[in-house]
Amino acid sequence: LILSCIAQEEPESKPIELEGLKASIGAWDAEIEVWPQGPDSSSIKFKGVENNRPYGEHWIASDFDSEYMGQTIKVHSIVGYDLDQKKMVGKVIDHGPYAAKMTGDYDEKSKTVHWKTEAKDPNGKPMVQKTLVTQKSADERVLVLSVPGKQQNGFTKFMQIRFVKRK
């Protein structure tokens, strides 16, 4: 057991971003819609479950499970607020060989995190994705994932997930 963090002091004031993280703690049912051929084509709908738990005061550990076209999908992430970068940060892993790195900014007025994700496709080619996560209420949030494309400043809506908190 490595105890390298024993003497860390708490910062004087807590960033507002931590409120958004704490709001996502718990179990959430997910309604997923994907547009594999772009938002003007037909979509595929399926369901999933997300479980978020606090990992200390500044981090959330998340596990997302679903089934898509007969395949089980598992995604694990750690997200939090980096005091040095003054940004939301995260690392995401799934069944693929590459982890994705996220940085984000929180808009307190709209209760939305604007994420930029640096990922790689299955062949190792770098790609950038943009994700918006908006807290609609205490029991609902919506994630919209956009990938490089011809719309929205070079990005196209690829997936939307509506999360509803379990009672």
N, C-alpha and C. Protein backbone atom coordinates (compact mmCIF):
# COMPACT_ATOMS: atom_id res chain seq x y z
N LEU A 1 0.85 -1.20 0.00
CA LEU A 1 0.00 0.00 0.00
C LEU A 1 0.88 1.24 0.00
N ILE A 2 0.64 2.10 -0.96
CA ILE A 2 1.41 3.33 -1.06
C ILE A 2 0.59 4.48 -0.48
N LEU A 3 1.18 5.19 0.45
CA LEU A 3 0.48 6.29 1.10
C LEU A 3 1.12 7.63 0.75
N SER A 4 1.13 7.95 -0.54
CA SER A 4 1.83 9.15 -0.99
C SER A 4 1.02 10.42 -0.81
N CYS A 5 -0.24 10.33 -0.49
CA CYS A 5 -1.10 11.52 -0.45
C CYS A 5 -1.52 11.90 0.96
N ILE A 6 -0.88 11.39 1.96
CA ILE A 6 -1.33 11.58 3.34
C ILE A 6 -1.40 13.04 3.75
N ALA A 7 -0.41 13.83 3.39
CA ALA A 7 -0.33 15.19 3.92
C ALA A 7 -0.93 16.25 3.00
N GLN A 8 -1.69 15.88 2.00
CA GLN A 8 -2.28 16.89 1.13
C GLN A 8 -3.28 17.74 1.90
N GLU A 9 -3.20 19.04 1.69
CA GLU A 9 -4.13 19.95 2.35
C GLU A 9 -5.31 20.25 1.42
N GLU A 10 -6.45 20.54 2.03
CA GLU A 10 -7.63 20.93 1.25
C GLU A 10 -7.44 22.36 0.77
N PRO A 11 -7.90 22.67 -0.45
CA PRO A 11 -7.83 24.05 -0.92
C PRO A 11 -8.75 24.93 -0.09
N GLU A 12 -8.46 26.26 -0.09
CA GLU A 12 -9.23 27.18 0.74
C GLU A 12 -10.70 27.25 0.32
N SER A 13 -10.97 27.28 -0.98
CA SER A 13 -12.36 27.31 -1.44
C SER A 13 -12.56 26.21 -2.47
N LYS A 14 -13.76 25.65 -2.49
CA LYS A 14 -14.05 24.54 -3.41
C LYS A 14 -14.56 25.10 -4.73
N PRO A 15 -14.03 24.62 -5.83
CA PRO A 15 -14.51 25.08 -7.14
C PRO A 15 -15.97 24.71 -7.35
N ILE A 16 -16.71 25.57 -8.05
CA ILE A 16 -18.13 25.34 -8.32
C ILE A 16 -18.33 24.04 -9.12
N GLU A 17 -17.34 23.64 -9.90
CA GLU A 17 -17.43 22.42 -10.71
C GLU A 17 -17.70 21.19 -9.86
N LEU A 18 -17.26 21.21 -8.61
CA LEU A 18 -17.46 20.05 -7.73
C LEU A 18 -18.94 19.83 -7.42
N GLU A 19 -19.75 20.90 -7.46
CA GLU A 19 -21.18 20.73 -7.23
C GLU A 19 -21.79 19.88 -8.34
N GLY A 20 -21.36 20.13 -9.58
CA GLY A 20 -21.85 19.34 -10.70
C GLY A 20 -21.45 17.89 -10.59
N LEU A 21 -20.24 17.65 -10.14
CA LEU A 21 -19.78 16.27 -9.96
C LEU A 21 -20.63 15.56 -8.91
N LYS A 22 -20.86 16.24 -7.79
CA LYS A 22 -21.64 15.62 -6.71
C LYS A 22 -23.07 15.35 -7.15
N ALA A 23 -23.61 16.19 -8.05
CA ALA A 23 -24.97 15.99 -8.53
C ALA A 23 -25.10 14.71 -9.35
N SER A 24 -23.97 14.21 -9.88
CA SER A 24 -24.04 13.00 -10.72
C SER A 24 -23.84 11.71 -9.93
N ILE A 25 -23.63 11.80 -8.62
CA ILE A 25 -23.45 10.59 -7.81
C ILE A 25 -24.75 9.80 -7.76
N GLY A 26 -24.64 8.49 -7.90
CA GLY A 26 -25.81 7.63 -7.82
C GLY A 26 -25.95 6.74 -9.03
N ALA A 27 -27.10 6.06 -9.11
CA ALA A 27 -27.40 5.17 -10.24
C ALA A 27 -28.34 5.89 -11.19
N TRP A 28 -28.05 5.79 -12.48
CA TRP A 28 -28.80 6.49 -13.52
C TRP A 28 -29.18 5.52 -14.63
N ASP A 29 -30.45 5.54 -15.02
CA ASP A 29 -30.89 4.80 -16.21
C ASP A 29 -30.61 5.67 -17.42
N ALA A 30 -30.10 5.06 -18.48
CA ALA A 30 -29.69 5.80 -19.67
C ALA A 30 -30.52 5.38 -20.88
N GLU A 31 -31.04 6.37 -21.58
CA GLU A 31 -31.72 6.17 -22.86
C GLU A 31 -30.77 6.71 -23.92
N ILE A 32 -30.24 5.82 -24.76
CA ILE A 32 -29.18 6.17 -25.70
C ILE A 32 -29.74 6.17 -27.12
N GLU A 33 -29.35 7.19 -27.88
CA GLU A 33 -29.70 7.25 -29.30
C GLU A 33 -28.43 7.58 -30.07
N VAL A 34 -28.15 6.76 -31.10
CA VAL A 34 -26.93 6.91 -31.90
C VAL A 34 -27.33 7.08 -33.36
N TRP A 35 -26.64 7.99 -34.05
CA TRP A 35 -26.83 8.21 -35.48
C TRP A 35 -25.54 7.80 -36.20
N PRO A 36 -25.36 6.50 -36.52
CA PRO A 36 -24.10 6.05 -37.13
C PRO A 36 -23.81 6.70 -38.49
N GLN A 37 -24.85 7.06 -39.24
CA GLN A 37 -24.67 7.67 -40.56
C GLN A 37 -24.91 9.18 -40.54
N GLY A 38 -24.94 9.78 -39.35
CA GLY A 38 -25.19 11.22 -39.25
C GLY A 38 -26.59 11.52 -38.77
N PRO A 39 -26.82 12.72 -38.25
CA PRO A 39 -28.10 13.07 -37.63
C PRO A 39 -29.28 13.16 -38.59
N ASP A 40 -29.03 13.19 -39.90
CA ASP A 40 -30.13 13.23 -40.87
C ASP A 40 -30.60 11.84 -41.26
N SER A 41 -29.94 10.80 -40.74
CA SER A 41 -30.32 9.42 -41.06
C SER A 41 -31.06 8.81 -39.87
N SER A 42 -31.48 7.56 -40.02
CA SER A 42 -32.20 6.91 -38.93
C SER A 42 -31.25 6.61 -37.77
N SER A 43 -31.82 6.52 -36.58
CA SER A 43 -31.01 6.31 -35.37
C SER A 43 -31.23 4.91 -34.83
N ILE A 44 -30.33 4.53 -33.93
CA ILE A 44 -30.43 3.27 -33.19
C ILE A 44 -30.63 3.65 -31.73
N LYS A 45 -31.62 3.04 -31.08
CA LYS A 45 -31.91 3.34 -29.67
C LYS A 45 -31.67 2.11 -28.82
N PHE A 46 -31.08 2.33 -27.65
CA PHE A 46 -30.87 1.25 -26.70
C PHE A 46 -30.75 1.85 -25.31
N LYS A 47 -30.64 1.00 -24.31
CA LYS A 47 -30.62 1.47 -22.92
C LYS A 47 -29.32 1.06 -22.22
N GLY A 48 -29.05 1.72 -21.11
CA GLY A 48 -27.88 1.40 -20.32
C GLY A 48 -28.07 1.86 -18.88
N VAL A 49 -27.06 1.62 -18.07
CA VAL A 49 -27.06 2.04 -16.66
C VAL A 49 -25.69 2.63 -16.34
N GLU A 50 -25.72 3.76 -15.64
CA GLU A 50 -24.49 4.40 -15.19
C GLU A 50 -24.51 4.46 -13.67
N ASN A 51 -23.40 4.04 -13.04
CA ASN A 51 -23.24 4.13 -11.60
C ASN A 51 -22.05 5.02 -11.30
N ASN A 52 -22.29 6.10 -10.57
CA ASN A 52 -21.25 7.07 -10.22
C ASN A 52 -21.06 7.11 -8.72
N ARG A 53 -19.82 7.08 -8.30
CA ARG A 53 -19.52 7.12 -6.87
C ARG A 53 -18.40 8.14 -6.62
N PRO A 54 -18.44 8.78 -5.47
CA PRO A 54 -17.37 9.73 -5.17
C PRO A 54 -16.06 8.99 -4.96
N TYR A 55 -15.01 9.62 -5.38
CA TYR A 55 -13.66 9.10 -5.18
C TYR A 55 -12.90 10.24 -4.54
N GLY A 56 -13.06 10.38 -3.24
CA GLY A 56 -12.54 11.54 -2.54
C GLY A 56 -13.46 12.73 -2.77
N GLU A 57 -12.98 13.92 -2.48
CA GLU A 57 -13.77 15.15 -2.62
C GLU A 57 -13.78 15.70 -4.03
N HIS A 58 -12.77 15.37 -4.84
CA HIS A 58 -12.58 16.05 -6.12
C HIS A 58 -12.81 15.16 -7.34
N TRP A 59 -13.21 13.92 -7.15
CA TRP A 59 -13.27 12.98 -8.26
C TRP A 59 -14.53 12.11 -8.19
N ILE A 60 -14.97 11.66 -9.36
CA ILE A 60 -16.08 10.72 -9.48
C ILE A 60 -15.57 9.54 -10.30
N ALA A 61 -15.82 8.34 -9.81
CA ALA A 61 -15.54 7.12 -10.57
C ALA A 61 -16.88 6.68 -11.16
N SER A 62 -16.88 6.38 -12.45
CA SER A 62 -18.11 6.06 -13.16
C SER A 62 -17.98 4.75 -13.91
N ASP A 63 -19.03 3.93 -13.83
CA ASP A 63 -19.12 2.70 -14.61
C ASP A 63 -20.41 2.74 -15.40
N PHE A 64 -20.29 2.57 -16.72
CA PHE A 64 -21.43 2.59 -17.62
C PHE A 64 -21.53 1.24 -18.31
N ASP A 65 -22.71 0.65 -18.27
CA ASP A 65 -22.94 -0.67 -18.89
C ASP A 65 -24.15 -0.59 -19.81
N SER A 66 -24.01 -1.18 -21.00
CA SER A 66 -25.13 -1.28 -21.93
C SER A 66 -24.87 -2.43 -22.89
N GLU A 67 -25.86 -2.66 -23.73
CA GLU A 67 -25.70 -3.66 -24.79
C GLU A 67 -26.10 -2.99 -26.09
N TYR A 68 -25.23 -3.08 -27.09
CA TYR A 68 -25.43 -2.42 -28.37
C TYR A 68 -25.22 -3.43 -29.49
N MET A 69 -26.26 -3.67 -30.26
CA MET A 69 -26.21 -4.60 -31.39
C MET A 69 -25.63 -5.96 -30.97
N GLY A 70 -26.10 -6.47 -29.82
CA GLY A 70 -25.68 -7.78 -29.35
C GLY A 70 -24.34 -7.81 -28.63
N GLN A 71 -23.67 -6.67 -28.51
CA GLN A 71 -22.39 -6.63 -27.81
C GLN A 71 -22.53 -5.88 -26.49
N THR A 72 -21.90 -6.43 -25.45
CA THR A 72 -21.89 -5.76 -24.16
C THR A 72 -20.86 -4.63 -24.20
N ILE A 73 -21.27 -3.47 -23.73
CA ILE A 73 -20.38 -2.31 -23.70
C ILE A 73 -20.18 -1.90 -22.25
N LYS A 74 -18.93 -1.76 -21.87
CA LYS A 74 -18.58 -1.29 -20.53
C LYS A 74 -17.61 -0.13 -20.70
N VAL A 75 -17.90 0.96 -20.00
CA VAL A 75 -17.05 2.15 -20.04
C VAL A 75 -16.77 2.56 -18.60
N HIS A 76 -15.51 2.81 -18.29
CA HIS A 76 -15.12 3.26 -16.95
C HIS A 76 -14.44 4.62 -17.10
N SER A 77 -14.76 5.53 -16.20
CA SER A 77 -14.10 6.83 -16.25
C SER A 77 -13.86 7.37 -14.85
N ILE A 78 -12.87 8.23 -14.78
CA ILE A 78 -12.58 9.02 -13.59
C ILE A 78 -12.62 10.47 -14.06
N VAL A 79 -13.48 11.28 -13.46
CA VAL A 79 -13.54 12.69 -13.81
C VAL A 79 -13.46 13.52 -12.54
N GLY A 80 -12.94 14.73 -12.69
CA GLY A 80 -12.81 15.61 -11.55
C GLY A 80 -12.38 16.99 -11.98
N TYR A 81 -11.98 17.77 -11.00
CA TYR A 81 -11.52 19.13 -11.25
C TYR A 81 -10.05 19.22 -10.87
N ASP A 82 -9.23 19.61 -11.84
CA ASP A 82 -7.79 19.73 -11.62
C ASP A 82 -7.49 21.17 -11.18
N LEU A 83 -7.01 21.31 -9.95
CA LEU A 83 -6.75 22.63 -9.39
C LEU A 83 -5.65 23.37 -10.14
N ASP A 84 -4.66 22.65 -10.68
CA ASP A 84 -3.57 23.29 -11.42
C ASP A 84 -4.05 23.81 -12.78
N GLN A 85 -4.81 22.99 -13.50
CA GLN A 85 -5.28 23.39 -14.82
C GLN A 85 -6.51 24.30 -14.76
N LYS A 86 -7.18 24.32 -13.59
CA LYS A 86 -8.43 25.06 -13.43
C LYS A 86 -9.46 24.61 -14.47
N LYS A 87 -9.52 23.29 -14.65
CA LYS A 87 -10.42 22.68 -15.62
C LYS A 87 -10.93 21.35 -15.08
N MET A 88 -12.05 20.93 -15.65
CA MET A 88 -12.51 19.57 -15.43
C MET A 88 -11.58 18.68 -16.26
N VAL A 89 -11.24 17.53 -15.73
CA VAL A 89 -10.39 16.58 -16.45
C VAL A 89 -10.95 15.18 -16.28
N GLY A 90 -10.59 14.29 -17.18
CA GLY A 90 -11.06 12.92 -17.05
C GLY A 90 -10.27 11.97 -17.93
N LYS A 91 -10.39 10.71 -17.59
CA LYS A 91 -9.80 9.62 -18.35
C LYS A 91 -10.90 8.59 -18.53
N VAL A 92 -11.06 8.10 -19.76
CA VAL A 92 -12.11 7.15 -20.09
C VAL A 92 -11.50 5.93 -20.74
N ILE A 93 -11.92 4.75 -20.28
CA ILE A 93 -11.49 3.51 -20.92
C ILE A 93 -12.70 2.66 -21.23
N ASP A 94 -12.59 1.90 -22.31
CA ASP A 94 -13.63 0.94 -22.66
C ASP A 94 -12.95 -0.35 -23.10
N HIS A 95 -13.59 -1.14 -23.92
CA HIS A 95 -13.04 -2.44 -24.33
C HIS A 95 -11.90 -2.30 -25.33
N GLY A 96 -11.68 -1.10 -25.86
CA GLY A 96 -10.63 -0.89 -26.86
C GLY A 96 -9.25 -0.75 -26.24
N PRO A 97 -8.21 -0.69 -27.08
CA PRO A 97 -6.84 -0.65 -26.58
C PRO A 97 -6.37 0.73 -26.14
N TYR A 98 -7.17 1.79 -26.37
CA TYR A 98 -6.71 3.14 -26.07
C TYR A 98 -7.61 3.82 -25.06
N ALA A 99 -7.01 4.60 -24.16
CA ALA A 99 -7.77 5.44 -23.23
C ALA A 99 -8.01 6.79 -23.89
N ALA A 100 -9.08 7.44 -23.52
CA ALA A 100 -9.38 8.79 -24.00
C ALA A 100 -9.11 9.78 -22.88
N LYS A 101 -8.62 10.96 -23.25
CA LYS A 101 -8.32 12.02 -22.29
C LYS A 101 -9.28 13.18 -22.53
N MET A 102 -9.90 13.66 -21.44
CA MET A 102 -10.88 14.73 -21.55
C MET A 102 -10.45 15.95 -20.75
N THR A 103 -10.76 17.12 -21.29
CA THR A 103 -10.65 18.37 -20.55
C THR A 103 -11.95 19.12 -20.78
N GLY A 104 -12.42 19.81 -19.75
CA GLY A 104 -13.71 20.48 -19.89
C GLY A 104 -13.83 21.74 -19.08
N ASP A 105 -14.75 22.57 -19.52
CA ASP A 105 -15.08 23.81 -18.83
C ASP A 105 -16.54 23.76 -18.44
N TYR A 106 -16.83 24.26 -17.24
CA TYR A 106 -18.19 24.25 -16.71
C TYR A 106 -18.81 25.63 -16.86
N ASP A 107 -20.00 25.67 -17.46
CA ASP A 107 -20.77 26.90 -17.56
C ASP A 107 -21.85 26.85 -16.48
N GLU A 108 -21.64 27.63 -15.43
CA GLU A 108 -22.55 27.59 -14.28
C GLU A 108 -23.97 28.02 -14.64
N LYS A 109 -24.11 28.99 -15.53
CA LYS A 109 -25.44 29.49 -15.90
C LYS A 109 -26.29 28.41 -16.56
N SER A 110 -25.71 27.66 -17.51
CA SER A 110 -26.48 26.62 -18.21
C SER A 110 -26.33 25.24 -17.56
N LYS A 111 -25.48 25.17 -16.52
CA LYS A 111 -25.19 23.90 -15.83
C LYS A 111 -24.70 22.84 -16.84
N THR A 112 -23.80 23.28 -17.72
CA THR A 112 -23.29 22.42 -18.78
C THR A 112 -21.77 22.34 -18.73
N VAL A 113 -21.25 21.11 -18.84
CA VAL A 113 -19.81 20.92 -19.01
C VAL A 113 -19.55 20.74 -20.50
N HIS A 114 -18.62 21.53 -21.02
CA HIS A 114 -18.19 21.45 -22.42
C HIS A 114 -16.89 20.66 -22.43
N TRP A 115 -16.96 19.40 -22.85
CA TRP A 115 -15.80 18.51 -22.86
C TRP A 115 -15.15 18.47 -24.24
N LYS A 116 -13.84 18.44 -24.26
CA LYS A 116 -13.06 18.11 -25.46
C LYS A 116 -12.38 16.78 -25.15
N THR A 117 -12.61 15.78 -26.00
CA THR A 117 -12.05 14.45 -25.77
C THR A 117 -11.04 14.12 -26.86
N GLU A 118 -9.84 13.78 -26.44
CA GLU A 118 -8.81 13.32 -27.36
C GLU A 118 -8.78 11.80 -27.27
N ALA A 119 -9.13 11.15 -28.38
CA ALA A 119 -9.25 9.70 -28.40
C ALA A 119 -8.52 9.16 -29.64
N LYS A 120 -8.56 7.86 -29.79
CA LYS A 120 -8.02 7.20 -30.98
C LYS A 120 -9.05 6.21 -31.48
N ASP A 121 -9.10 6.06 -32.81
CA ASP A 121 -10.00 5.05 -33.36
C ASP A 121 -9.34 3.68 -33.19
N PRO A 122 -10.03 2.59 -33.52
CA PRO A 122 -9.45 1.25 -33.31
C PRO A 122 -8.11 1.01 -34.00
N ASN A 123 -7.81 1.81 -35.03
CA ASN A 123 -6.53 1.67 -35.74
C ASN A 123 -5.44 2.58 -35.19
N GLY A 124 -5.75 3.32 -34.12
CA GLY A 124 -4.75 4.18 -33.50
C GLY A 124 -4.69 5.59 -34.07
N LYS A 125 -5.59 5.93 -34.98
CA LYS A 125 -5.60 7.27 -35.57
C LYS A 125 -6.24 8.25 -34.58
N PRO A 126 -5.54 9.35 -34.25
CA PRO A 126 -6.09 10.33 -33.30
C PRO A 126 -7.35 10.99 -33.83
N MET A 127 -8.28 11.26 -32.90
CA MET A 127 -9.49 12.01 -33.25
C MET A 127 -9.92 12.83 -32.04
N VAL A 128 -10.67 13.87 -32.31
CA VAL A 128 -11.19 14.74 -31.26
C VAL A 128 -12.70 14.66 -31.29
N GLN A 129 -13.30 14.59 -30.12
CA GLN A 129 -14.75 14.59 -29.98
C GLN A 129 -15.13 15.73 -29.05
N LYS A 130 -16.33 16.23 -29.21
CA LYS A 130 -16.86 17.26 -28.31
C LYS A 130 -18.10 16.70 -27.65
N THR A 131 -18.21 16.93 -26.35
CA THR A 131 -19.35 16.43 -25.60
C THR A 131 -19.90 17.55 -24.71
N LEU A 132 -21.21 17.68 -24.71
CA LEU A 132 -21.88 18.59 -23.80
C LEU A 132 -22.68 17.74 -22.82
N VAL A 133 -22.52 18.01 -21.52
CA VAL A 133 -23.31 17.33 -20.50
C VAL A 133 -24.05 18.41 -19.72
N THR A 134 -25.38 18.41 -19.84
CA THR A 134 -26.20 19.45 -19.22
C THR A 134 -27.06 18.84 -18.13
N GLN A 135 -27.00 19.44 -16.94
CA GLN A 135 -27.83 19.03 -15.81
C GLN A 135 -29.17 19.74 -15.97
N LYS A 136 -30.22 19.00 -16.40
CA LYS A 136 -31.54 19.58 -16.64
C LYS A 136 -32.29 19.79 -15.33
N SER A 137 -32.11 18.87 -14.38
CA SER A 137 -32.73 18.95 -13.06
C SER A 137 -31.92 18.04 -12.14
N ALA A 138 -32.34 17.93 -10.89
CA ALA A 138 -31.62 17.05 -9.95
C ALA A 138 -31.68 15.60 -10.40
N ASP A 139 -32.70 15.25 -11.18
CA ASP A 139 -32.90 13.85 -11.57
C ASP A 139 -32.71 13.59 -13.07
N GLU A 140 -32.24 14.57 -13.82
CA GLU A 140 -32.07 14.38 -15.26
C GLU A 140 -30.89 15.18 -15.79
N ARG A 141 -30.08 14.52 -16.63
CA ARG A 141 -29.04 15.21 -17.36
C ARG A 141 -28.95 14.61 -18.75
N VAL A 142 -28.44 15.41 -19.68
CA VAL A 142 -28.37 14.99 -21.08
C VAL A 142 -26.95 15.18 -21.59
N LEU A 143 -26.44 14.14 -22.24
CA LEU A 143 -25.11 14.16 -22.86
C LEU A 143 -25.30 14.14 -24.37
N VAL A 144 -24.61 15.04 -25.07
CA VAL A 144 -24.62 15.06 -26.53
C VAL A 144 -23.17 14.96 -26.99
N LEU A 145 -22.87 13.90 -27.75
CA LEU A 145 -21.53 13.65 -28.28
C LEU A 145 -21.49 14.00 -29.75
N SER A 146 -20.53 14.83 -30.14
CA SER A 146 -20.33 15.20 -31.55
C SER A 146 -18.95 14.73 -31.99
N VAL A 147 -18.89 14.28 -33.24
CA VAL A 147 -17.65 13.79 -33.82
C VAL A 147 -17.31 14.65 -35.03
N PRO A 148 -16.05 14.61 -35.50
CA PRO A 148 -15.69 15.40 -36.68
C PRO A 148 -16.65 15.12 -37.84
N GLY A 149 -17.13 16.19 -38.46
CA GLY A 149 -18.07 16.05 -39.56
C GLY A 149 -18.28 17.38 -40.25
N LYS A 150 -19.36 17.49 -40.99
CA LYS A 150 -19.59 18.66 -41.83
C LYS A 150 -20.45 19.72 -41.16
N GLN A 151 -21.07 19.41 -40.03
CA GLN A 151 -21.99 20.35 -39.41
C GLN A 151 -21.42 20.91 -38.10
N GLN A 152 -22.06 21.92 -37.55
CA GLN A 152 -21.72 22.51 -36.25
C GLN A 152 -20.23 22.78 -36.10
N ASN A 153 -19.71 23.71 -36.89
CA ASN A 153 -18.30 24.08 -36.81
C ASN A 153 -17.38 22.89 -37.00
N GLY A 154 -17.72 22.03 -37.94
CA GLY A 154 -16.87 20.88 -38.23
C GLY A 154 -17.19 19.65 -37.41
N PHE A 155 -18.24 19.68 -36.60
CA PHE A 155 -18.64 18.53 -35.79
C PHE A 155 -20.09 18.17 -36.07
N THR A 156 -20.38 16.89 -35.99
CA THR A 156 -21.71 16.36 -36.25
C THR A 156 -22.19 15.56 -35.05
N LYS A 157 -23.44 15.77 -34.68
CA LYS A 157 -24.04 15.02 -33.57
C LYS A 157 -24.03 13.53 -33.91
N PHE A 158 -23.48 12.73 -32.99
CA PHE A 158 -23.38 11.29 -33.19
C PHE A 158 -24.22 10.51 -32.19
N MET A 159 -24.28 11.01 -30.94
CA MET A 159 -24.98 10.26 -29.90
C MET A 159 -25.58 11.23 -28.88
N GLN A 160 -26.73 10.82 -28.34
CA GLN A 160 -27.33 11.54 -27.23
C GLN A 160 -27.75 10.53 -26.18
N ILE A 161 -27.46 10.86 -24.92
CA ILE A 161 -27.86 9.99 -23.81
C ILE A 161 -28.65 10.84 -22.82
N ARG A 162 -29.85 10.37 -22.49
CA ARG A 162 -30.66 11.00 -21.44
C ARG A 162 -30.52 10.13 -20.20
N PHE A 163 -29.99 10.71 -19.13
CA PHE A 163 -29.81 10.01 -17.86
C PHE A 163 -30.93 10.42 -16.91
N VAL A 164 -31.58 9.43 -16.31
CA VAL A 164 -32.62 9.68 -15.30
C VAL A 164 -32.18 8.96 -14.03
N LYS A 165 -32.10 9.74 -12.96
CA LYS A 165 -31.63 9.20 -11.68
C LYS A 165 -32.63 8.21 -11.09
N ARG A 166 -32.11 7.09 -10.63
CA ARG A 166 -32.97 6.11 -9.96
C ARG A 166 -33.33 6.61 -8.58
N LYS A 167 -34.56 6.31 -8.17
CA LYS A 167 -35.04 6.72 -6.83
C LYS A 167 -34.47 5.80 -5.77
